């Protein structure tokens, strides 16, 4: 029978890993809250969903471009 839950033994045994894991989780939550807050602020300033869409597009383009170039560089090095 396959295990349904992840093994959390490293979190129990290693305080350093536990701090790293908690810090990473808090950082991810903060990033998502920032995305929501900036979108709400843009909408409250402009009352335009188009502006919120442009904001999302401008945030997405660098991720896609960096991902493509980063992937090509990683493939070349591997």
N, C-alpha and C. Protein backbone atom coordinates (compact mmCIF):
# COMPACT_ATOMS: atom_id res chain seq x y z
N UNK A 1 0.84 -1.18 0.00
CA UNK A 1 0.00 0.00 0.00
C UNK A 1 0.89 1.25 0.00
N UNK A 2 0.71 2.16 -0.95
CA UNK A 2 1.57 3.35 -1.01
C UNK A 2 1.27 4.31 0.14
N UNK A 3 2.32 5.04 0.50
CA UNK A 3 2.15 6.03 1.56
C UNK A 3 1.46 7.26 0.98
N UNK A 4 0.51 7.77 1.72
CA UNK A 4 -0.25 8.92 1.24
C UNK A 4 0.32 10.24 1.74
N UNK A 5 1.05 10.21 2.84
CA UNK A 5 1.58 11.43 3.42
C UNK A 5 3.09 11.49 3.22
N UNK A 6 3.61 12.70 3.16
CA UNK A 6 5.05 12.88 3.01
C UNK A 6 5.76 12.52 4.31
N UNK A 7 7.00 12.11 4.19
CA UNK A 7 7.81 11.79 5.36
C UNK A 7 8.30 13.08 5.99
N UNK A 8 7.90 13.34 7.22
CA UNK A 8 8.30 14.58 7.89
C UNK A 8 9.40 14.34 8.93
N UNK A 9 10.07 13.20 8.83
CA UNK A 9 11.14 12.88 9.77
C UNK A 9 12.23 13.94 9.79
N UNK A 10 12.69 14.47 8.64
CA UNK A 10 13.72 15.51 8.70
C UNK A 10 13.27 16.76 9.47
N UNK A 11 12.00 17.08 9.40
CA UNK A 11 11.51 18.23 10.15
C UNK A 11 11.56 17.98 11.65
N UNK A 12 11.36 16.75 12.05
CA UNK A 12 11.40 16.41 13.47
C UNK A 12 12.83 16.32 14.00
N UNK A 13 13.73 15.85 13.17
CA UNK A 13 15.08 15.54 13.64
C UNK A 13 16.07 16.69 13.50
N UNK A 14 15.87 17.57 12.56
CA UNK A 14 16.86 18.61 12.29
C UNK A 14 16.29 20.00 12.54
N UNK A 15 16.74 20.68 13.61
CA UNK A 15 16.25 22.03 13.87
C UNK A 15 16.62 23.02 12.75
N UNK A 16 17.79 22.83 12.15
CA UNK A 16 18.20 23.73 11.07
C UNK A 16 17.27 23.58 9.87
N UNK A 17 16.96 22.34 9.52
CA UNK A 17 16.06 22.11 8.39
C UNK A 17 14.66 22.62 8.70
N UNK A 18 14.22 22.47 9.95
CA UNK A 18 12.91 22.97 10.36
C UNK A 18 12.84 24.49 10.21
N UNK A 19 13.90 25.19 10.62
CA UNK A 19 13.94 26.66 10.46
C UNK A 19 13.92 27.04 8.98
N UNK A 20 14.69 26.31 8.17
CA UNK A 20 14.71 26.57 6.73
C UNK A 20 13.33 26.35 6.12
N UNK A 21 12.67 25.28 6.50
CA UNK A 21 11.35 24.95 5.97
C UNK A 21 10.32 26.00 6.37
N UNK A 22 10.33 26.40 7.64
CA UNK A 22 9.38 27.41 8.12
C UNK A 22 9.65 28.75 7.45
N UNK A 23 10.92 29.12 7.33
CA UNK A 23 11.26 30.37 6.66
C UNK A 23 10.83 30.38 5.20
N UNK A 24 11.02 29.26 4.53
CA UNK A 24 10.61 29.16 3.13
C UNK A 24 9.09 29.26 3.00
N UNK A 25 8.37 28.62 3.91
CA UNK A 25 6.91 28.68 3.87
C UNK A 25 6.41 30.10 4.13
N UNK A 26 7.00 30.78 5.11
CA UNK A 26 6.61 32.16 5.39
C UNK A 26 6.93 33.09 4.22
N UNK A 27 8.06 32.85 3.57
CA UNK A 27 8.42 33.65 2.40
C UNK A 27 7.42 33.45 1.27
N UNK A 28 7.01 32.21 1.04
CA UNK A 28 6.03 31.93 -0.01
C UNK A 28 4.69 32.58 0.29
N UNK A 29 4.28 32.54 1.56
CA UNK A 29 3.02 33.20 1.95
C UNK A 29 3.13 34.70 1.73
N UNK A 30 4.26 35.29 2.11
CA UNK A 30 4.47 36.72 1.90
C UNK A 30 4.45 37.10 0.43
N UNK A 31 5.03 36.27 -0.40
CA UNK A 31 5.03 36.54 -1.84
C UNK A 31 3.60 36.54 -2.39
N UNK A 32 2.80 35.57 -1.99
CA UNK A 32 1.43 35.50 -2.47
C UNK A 32 0.59 36.67 -1.95
N UNK A 33 0.81 37.06 -0.69
CA UNK A 33 0.10 38.22 -0.14
C UNK A 33 0.48 39.50 -0.87
N UNK A 34 1.75 39.62 -1.26
CA UNK A 34 2.19 40.79 -2.01
C UNK A 34 1.49 40.87 -3.36
N UNK A 35 1.37 39.74 -4.04
CA UNK A 35 0.69 39.72 -5.33
C UNK A 35 -0.76 40.19 -5.19
N UNK A 36 -1.44 39.69 -4.17
CA UNK A 36 -2.83 40.08 -3.94
C UNK A 36 -2.92 41.56 -3.56
N UNK A 37 -2.03 42.01 -2.67
CA UNK A 37 -2.08 43.40 -2.20
C UNK A 37 -1.81 44.39 -3.33
N UNK A 38 -0.82 44.11 -4.16
CA UNK A 38 -0.50 45.02 -5.26
C UNK A 38 -1.64 45.04 -6.27
N UNK A 39 -2.22 43.89 -6.55
CA UNK A 39 -3.36 43.85 -7.48
C UNK A 39 -4.54 44.65 -6.94
N UNK A 40 -4.83 44.50 -5.64
CA UNK A 40 -5.92 45.27 -5.04
C UNK A 40 -5.63 46.77 -5.05
N UNK A 41 -4.37 47.13 -4.81
CA UNK A 41 -4.03 48.55 -4.81
C UNK A 41 -4.15 49.14 -6.22
N UNK A 42 -3.68 48.43 -7.22
CA UNK A 42 -3.81 48.91 -8.60
C UNK A 42 -5.28 49.07 -8.95
N UNK A 43 -6.11 48.10 -8.56
CA UNK A 43 -7.53 48.20 -8.87
C UNK A 43 -8.18 49.37 -8.13
N UNK A 44 -7.81 49.59 -6.88
CA UNK A 44 -8.41 50.69 -6.12
C UNK A 44 -7.98 52.05 -6.66
N UNK A 45 -6.78 52.13 -7.21
CA UNK A 45 -6.31 53.40 -7.77
C UNK A 45 -6.90 53.69 -9.14
N UNK A 46 -7.08 52.65 -9.96
CA UNK A 46 -7.50 52.86 -11.35
C UNK A 46 -8.93 52.44 -11.64
N UNK A 47 -9.50 51.58 -10.80
CA UNK A 47 -10.82 50.99 -11.05
C UNK A 47 -10.87 50.30 -12.42
N UNK A 48 -9.74 49.72 -12.80
CA UNK A 48 -9.63 49.09 -14.12
C UNK A 48 -9.09 47.67 -13.98
N UNK A 49 -9.87 46.72 -14.43
CA UNK A 49 -9.38 45.34 -14.43
C UNK A 49 -8.30 45.15 -15.50
N UNK A 50 -8.34 45.98 -16.53
CA UNK A 50 -7.31 45.92 -17.56
C UNK A 50 -5.94 46.25 -16.97
N UNK A 51 -5.89 47.23 -16.08
CA UNK A 51 -4.62 47.58 -15.43
C UNK A 51 -4.10 46.44 -14.57
N UNK A 52 -5.00 45.77 -13.89
CA UNK A 52 -4.60 44.62 -13.08
C UNK A 52 -4.07 43.51 -13.98
N UNK A 53 -4.70 43.32 -15.12
CA UNK A 53 -4.23 42.33 -16.08
C UNK A 53 -2.86 42.67 -16.63
N UNK A 54 -2.64 43.96 -16.92
CA UNK A 54 -1.32 44.38 -17.39
C UNK A 54 -0.26 44.15 -16.32
N UNK A 55 -0.60 44.45 -15.09
CA UNK A 55 0.32 44.20 -13.98
C UNK A 55 0.70 42.72 -13.94
N UNK A 56 -0.27 41.86 -14.06
CA UNK A 56 -0.01 40.42 -14.04
C UNK A 56 0.85 40.00 -15.23
N UNK A 57 0.58 40.58 -16.38
CA UNK A 57 1.37 40.28 -17.57
C UNK A 57 2.82 40.72 -17.38
N UNK A 58 3.00 41.94 -16.87
CA UNK A 58 4.35 42.45 -16.67
C UNK A 58 5.10 41.66 -15.60
N UNK A 59 4.39 41.07 -14.66
CA UNK A 59 5.03 40.23 -13.66
C UNK A 59 5.37 38.85 -14.23
N UNK A 60 4.59 38.39 -15.19
CA UNK A 60 4.79 37.05 -15.74
C UNK A 60 5.89 37.00 -16.80
N UNK A 61 6.03 38.05 -17.58
CA UNK A 61 6.99 38.05 -18.69
C UNK A 61 8.42 37.77 -18.21
N UNK A 62 8.94 38.44 -17.18
CA UNK A 62 10.30 38.12 -16.74
C UNK A 62 10.46 36.68 -16.26
N UNK A 63 9.42 36.13 -15.65
CA UNK A 63 9.50 34.73 -15.20
C UNK A 63 9.63 33.78 -16.39
N UNK A 64 8.86 34.04 -17.43
CA UNK A 64 8.91 33.17 -18.61
C UNK A 64 10.24 33.31 -19.32
N UNK A 65 10.69 34.55 -19.52
CA UNK A 65 11.95 34.79 -20.22
C UNK A 65 13.12 34.19 -19.44
N UNK A 66 13.17 34.46 -18.13
CA UNK A 66 14.25 33.91 -17.32
C UNK A 66 14.19 32.39 -17.28
N UNK A 67 12.99 31.84 -17.27
CA UNK A 67 12.85 30.38 -17.28
C UNK A 67 13.37 29.76 -18.56
N UNK A 68 13.08 30.41 -19.68
CA UNK A 68 13.55 29.88 -20.96
C UNK A 68 15.07 29.94 -21.05
N UNK A 69 15.65 31.09 -20.71
CA UNK A 69 17.10 31.22 -20.79
C UNK A 69 17.79 30.38 -19.72
N UNK A 70 17.21 30.35 -18.53
CA UNK A 70 17.78 29.52 -17.47
C UNK A 70 17.75 28.04 -17.82
N UNK A 71 16.66 27.61 -18.44
CA UNK A 71 16.56 26.22 -18.86
C UNK A 71 17.58 25.88 -19.93
N UNK A 72 17.77 26.80 -20.88
CA UNK A 72 18.76 26.57 -21.93
C UNK A 72 20.17 26.51 -21.35
N UNK A 73 20.46 27.39 -20.41
CA UNK A 73 21.79 27.39 -19.78
C UNK A 73 21.99 26.10 -18.97
N UNK A 74 20.97 25.69 -18.23
CA UNK A 74 21.07 24.46 -17.45
C UNK A 74 21.26 23.24 -18.36
N UNK A 75 20.57 23.22 -19.49
CA UNK A 75 20.72 22.11 -20.42
C UNK A 75 22.12 22.09 -21.03
N UNK A 76 22.66 23.27 -21.31
CA UNK A 76 23.99 23.35 -21.89
C UNK A 76 25.06 22.89 -20.89
N UNK A 77 24.85 23.16 -19.62
CA UNK A 77 25.82 22.78 -18.59
C UNK A 77 25.69 21.31 -18.18
N UNK A 78 24.54 20.75 -18.41
CA UNK A 78 24.29 19.37 -17.94
C UNK A 78 24.76 18.35 -18.92
